[in-house]
Amino acid sequence: MAAFLHMSNLAPSSQKARLLAVLEDTHKFTRRETMQEFISYYGEVSRNAWNYYFSLIIITDKTKEQLDYLTEQIHLTPSGDIIDKYTFIEPEKDTEDYQILRQTGQREMTFSEFEKYIRLT
């Protein structure tokens, strides 16, 4: 049992991230979607060319179905604007979570470990 949280701008350039998708743990990423696939395609020397556009959080104790609610949005009236219900906060730079994300582009954790990075918008 696991689920992938595909995040935009999680590390290192922004303090807030956007959840792009909650995916089954069988999902296959392309070289443009994760650092590990980028390195697999271009080789280890390409590590410095990865621009940290995306990060992958692997939740080890929940399924996609259990985490789909994280993609909920709020429809504002009368403006018609749509905002994400949840905001994801980047780990502090001196934490192990941040360092692992910076070095590998992904991090495995339980949902209880990940919860500290979730805020209601």
N, C-alpha and C. Protein backbone atom coordinates (compact mmCIF):
# COMPACT_ATOMS: atom_id res chain seq x y z
N MET A 1 0.84 -1.17 0.00
CA MET A 1 0.00 0.00 0.00
C MET A 1 0.89 1.24 0.00
N ALA A 2 0.68 2.09 -0.97
CA ALA A 2 1.40 3.36 -1.05
C ALA A 2 0.70 4.24 -2.08
N ALA A 3 1.00 5.51 -2.02
CA ALA A 3 0.47 6.47 -2.99
C ALA A 3 1.54 7.50 -3.27
N PHE A 4 1.52 8.02 -4.49
CA PHE A 4 2.45 9.07 -4.89
C PHE A 4 1.74 10.42 -4.85
N LEU A 5 2.39 11.41 -4.27
CA LEU A 5 1.93 12.80 -4.34
C LEU A 5 2.92 13.52 -5.24
N HIS A 6 2.48 13.89 -6.42
CA HIS A 6 3.35 14.59 -7.38
C HIS A 6 3.18 16.08 -7.15
N MET A 7 4.26 16.73 -6.69
CA MET A 7 4.22 18.12 -6.26
C MET A 7 4.97 19.02 -7.24
N SER A 8 4.46 20.23 -7.38
CA SER A 8 5.13 21.24 -8.18
C SER A 8 5.81 22.23 -7.25
N ASN A 9 7.08 22.53 -7.53
CA ASN A 9 7.84 23.54 -6.79
C ASN A 9 7.95 23.27 -5.30
N LEU A 10 8.14 22.03 -4.92
CA LEU A 10 8.29 21.73 -3.50
C LEU A 10 9.67 22.11 -2.99
N ALA A 11 10.69 21.81 -3.75
CA ALA A 11 12.04 22.14 -3.32
C ALA A 11 12.87 22.49 -4.55
N PRO A 12 13.77 23.40 -4.50
CA PRO A 12 14.14 24.23 -3.37
C PRO A 12 13.65 25.68 -3.49
N SER A 13 12.90 26.00 -4.52
CA SER A 13 12.73 27.41 -4.86
C SER A 13 11.52 28.11 -4.23
N SER A 14 10.60 27.40 -3.67
CA SER A 14 9.42 28.07 -3.13
C SER A 14 9.07 27.55 -1.76
N GLN A 15 8.30 28.34 -1.05
CA GLN A 15 7.90 27.91 0.29
C GLN A 15 6.57 27.18 0.27
N LYS A 16 5.81 27.34 -0.81
CA LYS A 16 4.56 26.61 -0.94
C LYS A 16 4.63 25.74 -2.18
N ALA A 17 3.97 24.62 -2.11
CA ALA A 17 3.94 23.70 -3.23
C ALA A 17 2.50 23.47 -3.65
N ARG A 18 2.35 23.01 -4.86
CA ARG A 18 1.02 22.68 -5.35
C ARG A 18 0.98 21.20 -5.65
N LEU A 19 -0.04 20.54 -5.15
CA LEU A 19 -0.23 19.13 -5.44
C LEU A 19 -0.81 19.01 -6.85
N LEU A 20 -0.07 18.39 -7.73
CA LEU A 20 -0.53 18.21 -9.11
C LEU A 20 -1.40 16.99 -9.26
N ALA A 21 -1.05 15.92 -8.54
CA ALA A 21 -1.80 14.68 -8.68
C ALA A 21 -1.53 13.75 -7.52
N VAL A 22 -2.56 12.96 -7.19
CA VAL A 22 -2.41 11.83 -6.28
C VAL A 22 -2.49 10.61 -7.18
N LEU A 23 -1.45 9.76 -7.13
CA LEU A 23 -1.34 8.67 -8.08
C LEU A 23 -1.13 7.33 -7.39
N GLU A 24 -1.54 6.28 -8.08
CA GLU A 24 -1.28 4.92 -7.60
C GLU A 24 0.23 4.69 -7.56
N ASP A 25 0.66 3.80 -6.69
CA ASP A 25 2.09 3.52 -6.59
C ASP A 25 2.63 2.74 -7.78
N THR A 26 1.78 2.38 -8.71
CA THR A 26 2.21 1.70 -9.93
C THR A 26 2.43 2.68 -11.09
N HIS A 27 2.16 3.95 -10.86
CA HIS A 27 2.31 4.96 -11.93
C HIS A 27 3.76 5.04 -12.37
N LYS A 28 3.97 5.16 -13.68
CA LYS A 28 5.31 5.31 -14.25
C LYS A 28 5.50 6.76 -14.68
N PHE A 29 6.52 7.40 -14.16
CA PHE A 29 6.80 8.80 -14.46
C PHE A 29 7.74 8.91 -15.66
N THR A 30 7.73 10.08 -16.28
CA THR A 30 8.64 10.35 -17.39
C THR A 30 9.83 11.15 -16.87
N ARG A 31 10.81 11.34 -17.72
CA ARG A 31 12.02 12.08 -17.35
C ARG A 31 11.74 13.54 -17.05
N ARG A 32 10.61 14.05 -17.45
CA ARG A 32 10.27 15.45 -17.18
C ARG A 32 9.49 15.61 -15.87
N GLU A 33 9.11 14.51 -15.26
CA GLU A 33 8.24 14.57 -14.09
C GLU A 33 8.94 14.34 -12.76
N THR A 34 10.01 13.58 -12.75
CA THR A 34 10.73 13.33 -11.48
C THR A 34 12.23 13.37 -11.71
N MET A 35 12.93 13.76 -10.67
CA MET A 35 14.38 13.82 -10.73
C MET A 35 14.99 12.45 -11.01
N GLN A 36 14.46 11.41 -10.37
CA GLN A 36 15.02 10.07 -10.55
C GLN A 36 14.88 9.59 -11.98
N GLU A 37 13.75 9.86 -12.63
CA GLU A 37 13.57 9.48 -14.03
C GLU A 37 14.46 10.33 -14.94
N PHE A 38 14.65 11.58 -14.59
CA PHE A 38 15.53 12.47 -15.34
C PHE A 38 16.95 11.91 -15.33
N ILE A 39 17.42 11.52 -14.15
CA ILE A 39 18.77 10.96 -14.02
C ILE A 39 18.87 9.60 -14.70
N SER A 40 17.82 8.79 -14.59
CA SER A 40 17.82 7.48 -15.26
C SER A 40 17.97 7.64 -16.78
N TYR A 41 17.34 8.66 -17.30
CA TYR A 41 17.37 8.88 -18.76
C TYR A 41 18.68 9.53 -19.21
N TYR A 42 19.12 10.58 -18.51
CA TYR A 42 20.27 11.35 -18.96
C TYR A 42 21.59 10.94 -18.29
N GLY A 43 21.52 10.16 -17.24
CA GLY A 43 22.73 9.74 -16.54
C GLY A 43 23.01 10.59 -15.31
N GLU A 44 23.83 10.08 -14.44
CA GLU A 44 24.15 10.73 -13.16
C GLU A 44 24.73 12.13 -13.34
N VAL A 45 25.46 12.35 -14.42
CA VAL A 45 26.07 13.67 -14.63
C VAL A 45 25.01 14.75 -14.84
N SER A 46 23.78 14.36 -15.13
CA SER A 46 22.71 15.33 -15.37
C SER A 46 22.07 15.84 -14.07
N ARG A 47 22.46 15.29 -12.94
CA ARG A 47 21.83 15.67 -11.65
C ARG A 47 21.78 17.18 -11.47
N ASN A 48 22.85 17.89 -11.81
CA ASN A 48 22.89 19.34 -11.62
C ASN A 48 22.01 20.09 -12.62
N ALA A 49 21.57 19.42 -13.68
CA ALA A 49 20.71 20.06 -14.67
C ALA A 49 19.23 20.03 -14.28
N TRP A 50 18.89 19.20 -13.29
CA TRP A 50 17.49 19.11 -12.83
C TRP A 50 17.13 20.42 -12.14
N ASN A 51 16.05 21.04 -12.56
CA ASN A 51 15.68 22.36 -12.04
C ASN A 51 14.67 22.32 -10.90
N TYR A 52 14.41 21.18 -10.34
CA TYR A 52 13.53 21.04 -9.17
C TYR A 52 12.12 21.56 -9.43
N TYR A 53 11.64 21.34 -10.64
CA TYR A 53 10.27 21.75 -10.95
C TYR A 53 9.26 20.91 -10.18
N PHE A 54 9.60 19.64 -9.96
CA PHE A 54 8.67 18.71 -9.34
C PHE A 54 9.37 17.91 -8.26
N SER A 55 8.58 17.50 -7.28
CA SER A 55 9.06 16.58 -6.26
C SER A 55 8.02 15.49 -6.09
N LEU A 56 8.47 14.36 -5.63
CA LEU A 56 7.60 13.22 -5.43
C LEU A 56 7.62 12.85 -3.95
N ILE A 57 6.44 12.84 -3.36
CA ILE A 57 6.30 12.37 -1.98
C ILE A 57 5.62 11.00 -2.05
N ILE A 58 6.26 10.01 -1.48
CA ILE A 58 5.71 8.65 -1.48
C ILE A 58 5.15 8.38 -0.10
N ILE A 59 3.83 8.33 -0.02
CA ILE A 59 3.16 8.06 1.26
C ILE A 59 3.04 6.55 1.37
N THR A 60 3.71 5.98 2.35
CA THR A 60 3.86 4.53 2.43
C THR A 60 2.70 3.80 3.10
N ASP A 61 1.83 4.54 3.78
CA ASP A 61 0.78 3.85 4.54
C ASP A 61 -0.64 4.26 4.15
N LYS A 62 -0.81 4.85 2.98
CA LYS A 62 -2.15 5.24 2.48
C LYS A 62 -2.23 4.90 1.00
N THR A 63 -3.46 4.75 0.53
CA THR A 63 -3.69 4.50 -0.89
C THR A 63 -4.10 5.80 -1.58
N LYS A 64 -4.11 5.78 -2.89
CA LYS A 64 -4.56 6.92 -3.67
C LYS A 64 -5.97 7.32 -3.24
N GLU A 65 -6.84 6.35 -3.11
CA GLU A 65 -8.23 6.63 -2.74
C GLU A 65 -8.32 7.34 -1.38
N GLN A 66 -7.47 6.98 -0.46
CA GLN A 66 -7.48 7.60 0.86
C GLN A 66 -6.95 9.02 0.84
N LEU A 67 -6.19 9.38 -0.19
CA LEU A 67 -5.57 10.71 -0.25
C LEU A 67 -6.16 11.62 -1.32
N ASP A 68 -7.09 11.13 -2.10
CA ASP A 68 -7.67 11.94 -3.17
C ASP A 68 -8.27 13.25 -2.67
N TYR A 69 -8.73 13.29 -1.43
CA TYR A 69 -9.33 14.52 -0.89
C TYR A 69 -8.35 15.69 -0.88
N LEU A 70 -7.05 15.40 -0.92
CA LEU A 70 -6.05 16.47 -0.91
C LEU A 70 -6.10 17.34 -2.17
N THR A 71 -6.78 16.86 -3.20
CA THR A 71 -6.89 17.64 -4.45
C THR A 71 -8.16 18.49 -4.49
N GLU A 72 -8.94 18.51 -3.41
CA GLU A 72 -10.18 19.29 -3.40
C GLU A 72 -9.90 20.78 -3.62
N GLN A 73 -10.86 21.41 -4.27
CA GLN A 73 -10.75 22.84 -4.54
C GLN A 73 -11.95 23.57 -3.97
N ILE A 74 -11.78 24.87 -3.82
CA ILE A 74 -12.85 25.74 -3.32
C ILE A 74 -13.23 26.69 -4.45
N HIS A 75 -14.52 26.76 -4.74
CA HIS A 75 -15.03 27.66 -5.77
C HIS A 75 -15.55 28.91 -5.09
N LEU A 76 -14.92 30.03 -5.39
CA LEU A 76 -15.28 31.30 -4.75
C LEU A 76 -16.37 32.00 -5.54
N THR A 77 -17.34 32.54 -4.80
CA THR A 77 -18.39 33.31 -5.45
C THR A 77 -18.36 34.71 -4.87
N PRO A 78 -18.67 35.72 -5.55
CA PRO A 78 -19.17 35.70 -6.94
C PRO A 78 -18.06 35.74 -7.98
N SER A 79 -16.80 35.77 -7.57
CA SER A 79 -15.70 35.95 -8.53
C SER A 79 -15.55 34.78 -9.50
N GLY A 80 -15.91 33.58 -9.05
CA GLY A 80 -15.73 32.41 -9.89
C GLY A 80 -14.33 31.83 -9.81
N ASP A 81 -13.48 32.43 -8.99
CA ASP A 81 -12.12 31.90 -8.83
C ASP A 81 -12.15 30.53 -8.17
N ILE A 82 -11.14 29.74 -8.49
CA ILE A 82 -11.00 28.41 -7.90
C ILE A 82 -9.63 28.34 -7.23
N ILE A 83 -9.60 27.93 -5.97
CA ILE A 83 -8.34 27.78 -5.25
C ILE A 83 -8.25 26.38 -4.66
N ASP A 84 -7.04 25.94 -4.44
CA ASP A 84 -6.84 24.64 -3.80
C ASP A 84 -7.24 24.73 -2.34
N LYS A 85 -7.91 23.70 -1.85
CA LYS A 85 -8.34 23.68 -0.46
C LYS A 85 -7.16 23.53 0.50
N TYR A 86 -6.13 22.80 0.05
CA TYR A 86 -4.97 22.54 0.90
C TYR A 86 -3.72 23.17 0.29
N THR A 87 -2.88 23.71 1.16
CA THR A 87 -1.59 24.25 0.79
C THR A 87 -0.53 23.35 1.40
N PHE A 88 0.56 23.18 0.68
CA PHE A 88 1.64 22.33 1.15
C PHE A 88 2.87 23.19 1.39
N ILE A 89 3.40 23.12 2.58
CA ILE A 89 4.51 23.97 3.01
C ILE A 89 5.81 23.20 2.85
N GLU A 90 6.79 23.85 2.26
CA GLU A 90 8.10 23.22 2.08
C GLU A 90 8.77 22.98 3.43
N PRO A 91 9.46 21.86 3.57
CA PRO A 91 10.22 21.61 4.81
C PRO A 91 11.29 22.69 5.02
N GLU A 92 11.59 22.96 6.26
CA GLU A 92 12.66 23.91 6.58
C GLU A 92 13.98 23.39 6.01
N LYS A 93 14.85 24.30 5.61
CA LYS A 93 16.08 23.91 4.92
C LYS A 93 17.04 23.10 5.78
N ASP A 94 16.94 23.20 7.08
CA ASP A 94 17.86 22.46 7.94
C ASP A 94 17.32 21.09 8.35
N THR A 95 16.21 20.65 7.73
CA THR A 95 15.62 19.36 8.09
C THR A 95 16.08 18.25 7.17
N GLU A 96 16.00 17.04 7.66
CA GLU A 96 16.33 15.86 6.86
C GLU A 96 15.40 15.75 5.66
N ASP A 97 14.11 16.05 5.85
CA ASP A 97 13.15 15.97 4.75
C ASP A 97 13.59 16.87 3.60
N TYR A 98 13.98 18.09 3.89
CA TYR A 98 14.40 19.03 2.85
C TYR A 98 15.66 18.52 2.15
N GLN A 99 16.62 18.07 2.94
CA GLN A 99 17.88 17.61 2.36
C GLN A 99 17.68 16.42 1.43
N ILE A 100 16.85 15.49 1.82
CA ILE A 100 16.58 14.32 0.97
C ILE A 100 15.86 14.76 -0.31
N LEU A 101 14.87 15.64 -0.18
CA LEU A 101 14.18 16.15 -1.37
C LEU A 101 15.15 16.86 -2.30
N ARG A 102 16.03 17.63 -1.75
CA ARG A 102 17.01 18.38 -2.55
C ARG A 102 17.97 17.44 -3.27
N GLN A 103 18.38 16.37 -2.60
CA GLN A 103 19.37 15.46 -3.17
C GLN A 103 18.77 14.44 -4.13
N THR A 104 17.52 14.03 -3.88
CA THR A 104 16.94 12.94 -4.68
C THR A 104 15.66 13.31 -5.42
N GLY A 105 15.03 14.41 -5.04
CA GLY A 105 13.78 14.80 -5.68
C GLY A 105 12.57 14.05 -5.18
N GLN A 106 12.76 13.19 -4.20
CA GLN A 106 11.63 12.46 -3.65
C GLN A 106 11.89 12.07 -2.20
N ARG A 107 10.81 11.73 -1.53
CA ARG A 107 10.92 11.37 -0.11
C ARG A 107 9.81 10.39 0.23
N GLU A 108 10.17 9.30 0.89
CA GLU A 108 9.19 8.36 1.43
C GLU A 108 8.88 8.75 2.85
N MET A 109 7.59 8.73 3.20
CA MET A 109 7.19 9.00 4.58
C MET A 109 5.79 8.46 4.81
N THR A 110 5.47 8.29 6.08
CA THR A 110 4.10 7.92 6.42
C THR A 110 3.25 9.18 6.35
N PHE A 111 1.93 8.99 6.31
CA PHE A 111 1.07 10.16 6.24
C PHE A 111 1.20 11.01 7.50
N SER A 112 1.36 10.40 8.64
CA SER A 112 1.50 11.19 9.87
C SER A 112 2.77 12.04 9.84
N GLU A 113 3.82 11.57 9.18
CA GLU A 113 5.03 12.37 9.02
C GLU A 113 4.81 13.52 8.04
N PHE A 114 3.97 13.30 7.04
CA PHE A 114 3.70 14.30 6.01
C PHE A 114 2.71 15.38 6.47
N GLU A 115 1.83 15.03 7.38
CA GLU A 115 0.75 15.95 7.81
C GLU A 115 1.25 17.32 8.26
N LYS A 116 2.44 17.40 8.82
CA LYS A 116 2.94 18.69 9.30
C LYS A 116 3.16 19.68 8.17
N TYR A 117 3.15 19.20 6.93
CA TYR A 117 3.36 20.09 5.79
C TYR A 117 2.04 20.50 5.10
N ILE A 118 0.91 20.11 5.66
CA ILE A 118 -0.39 20.43 5.08
C ILE A 118 -1.05 21.56 5.88
N ARG A 119 -1.61 22.53 5.15
CA ARG A 119 -2.38 23.62 5.77
C ARG A 119 -3.67 23.79 4.99
N LEU A 120 -4.74 24.12 5.68
CA LEU A 120 -5.95 24.53 4.98
C LEU A 120 -5.69 25.91 4.40
N THR A 121 -6.12 26.12 3.17
CA THR A 121 -5.90 27.40 2.51
C THR A 121 -6.72 28.48 3.18
